[in-house]
Amino acid sequence: MFNYLEVYDELTNSEKKVLTYIMAHFEEIPFMTINELSAETFVSKTVIINLSQKMGLDGFKEMKYAISLEMKNKRMIKRTESTSPKKKLESTIQKTFSIVNEEDILTSAKLLLKAKNIFIMARGTSKSCGYYLEHLLFSIGIHCFFINDYNHSESFTRLVDEDDVVILLSLSGSTKKILETAKLVHLKHANIISLTSFQANELSEYATLELFCHADQSDTKLDDANSRIGFFILIDLLINTLNNIKK
């Protein structure tokens, strides 16, 4: 189909709003009319048509066909794909690399190098990724603060200013404490780098830069054992990019 990330930075706020809705209601879109989508997203039909064209499609009708085709292909892959843990992990790794935006990784690295302070925050199983990022940043000579106790989140947000960078990790992008922190940091005009799975999520709305990975399941409320391999890939790419810049 089309690559959402390739065109995302070119979209207007209204077009991003429509794309967010489409990502959240992917399976419903082929059965909707352009008037219905317009009403649901509170934008004009012209915005939807422009979004379709920026994605390399003639219009909304062709977008619906492309989405239907992608859904069909996904169903076929599910039927033929092995359910072995190894195959699932290979698939997650490949899909993460397919959606990685190298320009965003580079911009994030440059932002970190300019930052007065770097703060990292994660909850649940994602804390392991936070510790990993903290360790690697220290190992290349970049000082940072990992807020591993959520009770300290309000304390550190009072210290944050516009010269700081806050890295927030949430697979779902809807972790309550992470969102509360994002809102407070956003009010202080500090830069936020979000690491989430590739889907419409609230955290990305507050982020200066959004880094996405693939995850078969992103809802961690019921099962926090979901793989974070995508986060580790993003972190390794970020650290390697930082190393290249510093050399």
Protein backbone atom coordinates (compact mmCIF):
# COMPACT_ATOMS: atom_id res chain seq x y z
CA MET A 1 0.00 0.00 0.00
CA PHE A 2 1.35 3.46 0.83
CA ASN A 3 3.91 4.43 3.44
CA TYR A 4 2.26 6.76 5.96
CA LEU A 5 5.59 7.95 7.37
CA GLU A 6 6.94 9.09 3.99
CA VAL A 7 4.23 11.74 3.67
CA TYR A 8 3.45 12.49 7.32
CA ASP A 9 5.66 15.58 7.60
CA GLU A 10 4.08 17.06 4.46
CA LEU A 11 0.53 16.86 5.81
CA THR A 12 -1.47 19.77 7.20
CA ASN A 13 -2.93 19.47 10.71
CA SER A 14 -6.35 18.68 9.22
CA GLU A 15 -4.86 15.95 7.01
CA LYS A 16 -3.00 14.47 10.00
CA LYS A 17 -6.31 14.45 11.88
CA VAL A 18 -7.93 12.42 9.08
CA LEU A 19 -4.96 10.03 8.88
CA THR A 20 -5.13 9.48 12.64
CA TYR A 21 -8.80 8.60 12.33
CA ILE A 22 -8.11 6.24 9.41
CA MET A 23 -5.38 4.43 11.37
CA ALA A 24 -7.73 4.00 14.34
CA HIS A 25 -10.66 2.79 12.18
CA PHE A 26 -8.72 1.03 9.42
CA GLU A 27 -11.17 -1.82 8.86
CA GLU A 28 -14.18 0.51 8.74
CA ILE A 29 -12.83 2.89 6.08
CA PRO A 30 -13.63 0.70 3.01
CA PHE A 31 -17.31 0.79 4.02
CA MET A 32 -17.50 4.55 4.56
CA THR A 33 -18.41 7.28 2.09
CA ILE A 34 -16.32 10.42 1.81
CA ASN A 35 -19.23 12.36 3.33
CA GLU A 36 -19.28 10.05 6.36
CA LEU A 37 -15.52 10.36 6.88
CA SER A 38 -15.81 14.13 6.49
CA ALA A 39 -18.51 14.24 9.17
CA GLU A 40 -16.58 11.97 11.56
CA THR A 41 -13.36 14.01 11.31
CA PHE A 42 -14.96 17.46 11.03
CA VAL A 43 -13.02 18.36 7.88
CA SER A 44 -14.04 19.15 4.32
CA LYS A 45 -14.08 16.56 1.54
CA THR A 46 -11.26 18.53 -0.11
CA VAL A 47 -8.97 17.74 2.85
CA ILE A 48 -9.64 14.01 2.41
CA ILE A 49 -9.01 14.20 -1.33
CA ASN A 50 -5.77 16.13 -0.77
CA LEU A 51 -4.63 13.53 1.77
CA SER A 52 -5.33 10.74 -0.72
CA GLN A 53 -3.34 12.50 -3.43
CA LYS A 54 -0.37 13.14 -1.14
CA MET A 55 -0.32 9.38 -0.57
CA GLY A 56 -0.03 8.85 -4.31
CA LEU A 57 -3.69 7.96 -4.88
CA ASP A 58 -6.23 9.56 -7.20
CA GLY A 59 -8.82 10.08 -4.48
CA PHE A 60 -10.77 8.60 -1.60
CA LYS A 61 -12.24 5.83 -3.75
CA GLU A 62 -8.77 4.55 -4.62
CA MET A 63 -7.73 4.90 -0.96
CA LYS A 64 -10.61 2.63 0.08
CA TYR A 65 -9.58 0.10 -2.55
CA ALA A 66 -5.94 0.21 -1.38
CA ILE A 67 -6.99 -0.30 2.25
CA SER A 68 -9.24 -3.21 1.27
CA LEU A 69 -6.35 -4.78 -0.63
CA GLU A 70 -3.99 -4.36 2.34
CA MET A 71 -6.53 -5.93 4.69
CA LYS A 72 -6.90 -8.87 2.30
CA ASN A 73 -3.12 -9.30 2.10
CA LYS A 74 -2.81 -9.19 5.89
CA ARG A 75 -5.45 -11.91 6.23
CA MET A 76 -3.58 -14.07 3.71
CA ILE A 77 -0.29 -13.54 5.55
CA LYS A 78 -1.92 -14.49 8.86
CA ARG A 79 -3.18 -17.74 7.35
CA THR A 80 0.19 -18.69 5.88
CA GLU A 81 2.59 -17.23 8.46
CA SER A 82 4.01 -19.57 11.05
CA THR A 83 2.95 -18.84 14.61
CA SER A 84 6.30 -19.92 16.03
CA PRO A 85 7.95 -17.42 18.44
CA LYS A 86 10.94 -17.18 16.10
CA LYS A 87 8.80 -16.23 13.10
CA LYS A 88 6.86 -13.68 15.14
CA LEU A 89 10.08 -12.07 16.35
CA GLU A 90 11.55 -11.99 12.83
CA SER A 91 8.35 -10.38 11.56
CA THR A 92 8.41 -7.71 14.29
CA ILE A 93 12.05 -6.86 13.54
CA GLN A 94 11.47 -6.63 9.78
CA LYS A 95 8.33 -4.52 10.17
CA THR A 96 10.08 -2.18 12.60
CA PHE A 97 12.89 -1.55 10.11
CA SER A 98 10.31 -0.96 7.37
CA ILE A 99 8.71 1.92 9.27
CA VAL A 100 11.85 3.47 10.76
CA ASN A 101 12.34 7.04 9.57
CA GLU A 102 16.09 7.62 9.48
CA GLU A 103 15.65 11.38 9.20
CA ASP A 104 13.70 11.41 12.47
CA ILE A 105 16.41 9.30 14.12
CA LEU A 106 19.06 11.80 12.96
CA THR A 107 17.01 14.80 14.09
CA SER A 108 16.43 13.15 17.49
CA ALA A 109 20.17 12.53 17.88
CA LYS A 110 20.98 16.17 17.09
CA LEU A 111 18.32 17.31 19.55
CA LEU A 112 19.86 15.19 22.30
CA LEU A 113 23.33 16.57 21.64
CA LYS A 114 22.04 20.14 22.05
CA ALA A 115 19.97 19.41 25.16
CA LYS A 116 20.87 20.97 28.50
CA ASN A 117 19.30 18.01 30.32
CA ILE A 118 17.94 14.68 29.10
CA PHE A 119 15.19 12.91 31.03
CA ILE A 120 13.90 9.41 30.31
CA MET A 121 10.64 7.97 31.59
CA ALA A 122 8.96 4.59 31.09
CA ARG A 123 6.56 2.33 32.96
CA GLY A 124 6.11 -1.44 33.32
CA THR A 125 8.16 -3.66 31.05
CA SER A 126 9.23 -0.62 29.01
CA LYS A 127 11.42 0.38 31.98
CA SER A 128 13.93 -2.21 30.82
CA CYS A 129 14.26 -0.19 27.60
CA GLY A 130 14.67 2.98 29.65
CA TYR A 131 17.52 1.44 31.64
CA TYR A 132 19.12 0.24 28.41
CA LEU A 133 18.93 3.72 26.86
CA GLU A 134 20.29 5.33 30.03
CA HIS A 135 23.24 2.91 30.13
CA LEU A 136 24.12 3.45 26.46
CA LEU A 137 23.89 7.24 26.70
CA PHE A 138 26.24 7.21 29.69
CA SER A 139 28.58 4.83 27.86
CA ILE A 140 29.07 7.37 25.05
CA GLY A 141 29.52 10.27 27.45
CA ILE A 142 26.02 11.76 27.43
CA HIS A 143 24.57 12.47 30.87
CA CYS A 144 20.88 11.75 31.43
CA PHE A 145 18.31 11.17 34.17
CA PHE A 146 16.10 8.09 34.16
CA ILE A 147 12.92 8.75 36.16
CA ASN A 148 12.31 5.16 37.24
CA ASP A 149 9.95 6.08 40.09
CA TYR A 150 6.71 7.53 38.78
CA ASN A 151 6.18 9.28 42.13
CA HIS A 152 9.00 11.62 41.07
CA SER A 153 7.37 12.56 37.76
CA GLU A 154 5.78 15.74 39.09
CA SER A 155 9.02 16.76 40.80
CA PHE A 156 11.16 16.54 37.68
CA THR A 157 8.60 18.23 35.42
CA ARG A 158 8.87 21.31 37.63
CA LEU A 159 12.58 21.46 36.74
CA VAL A 160 12.18 20.99 32.98
CA ASP A 161 12.59 23.96 30.64
CA GLU A 162 12.66 24.57 26.88
CA ASP A 163 16.35 23.61 26.57
CA ASP A 164 15.70 20.08 27.86
CA VAL A 165 14.64 16.89 26.09
CA VAL A 166 12.31 14.34 27.63
CA ILE A 167 12.20 10.82 26.15
CA LEU A 168 8.92 9.02 26.86
CA LEU A 169 8.48 5.31 26.13
CA SER A 170 5.00 3.78 25.89
CA LEU A 171 4.15 0.90 23.57
CA SER A 172 0.47 1.86 23.47
CA GLY A 173 1.05 5.60 23.62
CA SER A 174 -1.74 5.77 26.18
CA THR A 175 -0.02 4.92 29.48
CA LYS A 176 -1.75 7.21 31.99
CA LYS A 177 1.31 8.39 33.94
CA ILE A 178 3.33 8.90 30.77
CA LEU A 179 0.52 11.00 29.27
CA GLU A 180 0.24 13.09 32.43
CA THR A 181 3.98 13.74 32.24
CA ALA A 182 3.80 14.58 28.52
CA LYS A 183 1.12 17.20 29.16
CA LEU A 184 3.16 18.88 31.90
CA VAL A 185 6.36 18.83 29.82
CA HIS A 186 4.47 20.19 26.81
CA LEU A 187 3.29 23.15 28.90
CA LYS A 188 6.93 23.89 29.79
CA HIS A 189 7.80 23.97 26.04
CA ALA A 190 10.48 21.31 26.44
CA ASN A 191 11.16 18.91 23.56
CA ILE A 192 9.59 15.47 23.76
CA ILE A 193 10.79 12.39 21.87
CA SER A 194 8.15 9.66 22.00
CA LEU A 195 8.80 5.96 21.37
CA THR A 196 5.58 4.09 20.63
CA SER A 197 4.21 1.35 18.39
CA PHE A 198 3.04 2.55 14.97
CA GLN A 199 -0.58 3.49 15.50
CA ALA A 200 -2.71 6.50 16.26
CA ASN A 201 -1.95 7.37 19.89
CA GLU A 202 -2.37 10.28 22.26
CA LEU A 203 1.27 10.52 23.31
CA SER A 204 2.42 11.42 19.79
CA GLU A 205 0.17 14.50 19.90
CA TYR A 206 2.51 16.06 22.48
CA ALA A 207 5.78 14.90 20.93
CA THR A 208 8.29 17.07 19.11
CA LEU A 209 9.56 13.93 17.39
CA GLU A 210 7.83 10.55 17.11
CA LEU A 211 9.84 7.35 16.74
CA PHE A 212 7.76 4.31 15.82
CA CYS A 213 8.32 0.57 16.05
CA HIS A 214 6.12 -2.39 15.17
CA ALA A 215 4.30 -4.41 17.82
CA ASP A 216 1.79 -7.22 17.26
CA GLN A 217 0.03 -6.19 20.46
CA SER A 218 0.38 -2.75 22.02
CA ASP A 219 -2.21 -2.90 24.80
CA THR A 220 -0.11 -3.48 27.91
CA LYS A 221 -2.93 -3.19 30.44
CA LEU A 222 -3.94 -6.83 30.06
CA ASP A 223 -0.56 -8.24 29.02
CA ASP A 224 2.65 -6.36 29.82
CA ALA A 225 4.71 -9.25 28.43
CA ASN A 226 4.39 -7.88 24.90
CA SER A 227 7.74 -7.78 23.12
CA ARG A 228 9.73 -4.53 23.31
CA ILE A 229 12.23 -5.64 20.66
CA GLY A 230 11.12 -2.70 18.50
CA PHE A 231 12.11 -0.25 21.24
CA PHE A 232 15.56 -1.85 21.55
CA ILE A 233 16.03 -1.49 17.78
CA LEU A 234 15.09 2.21 17.90
CA ILE A 235 17.45 2.78 20.84
CA ASP A 236 20.36 1.04 19.08
CA LEU A 237 19.76 3.10 15.94
CA LEU A 238 19.65 6.30 17.99
CA ILE A 239 22.85 5.50 19.89
CA ASN A 240 24.73 4.48 16.71
CA THR A 241 23.61 7.72 15.05
CA LEU A 242 24.81 9.74 18.06
CA ASN A 243 28.17 7.96 17.86
CA ASN A 244 28.51 8.76 14.17
CA ILE A 245 27.77 12.45 14.75
CA LYS A 246 30.27 12.68 17.61
CA LYS A 247 33.12 11.12 15.64
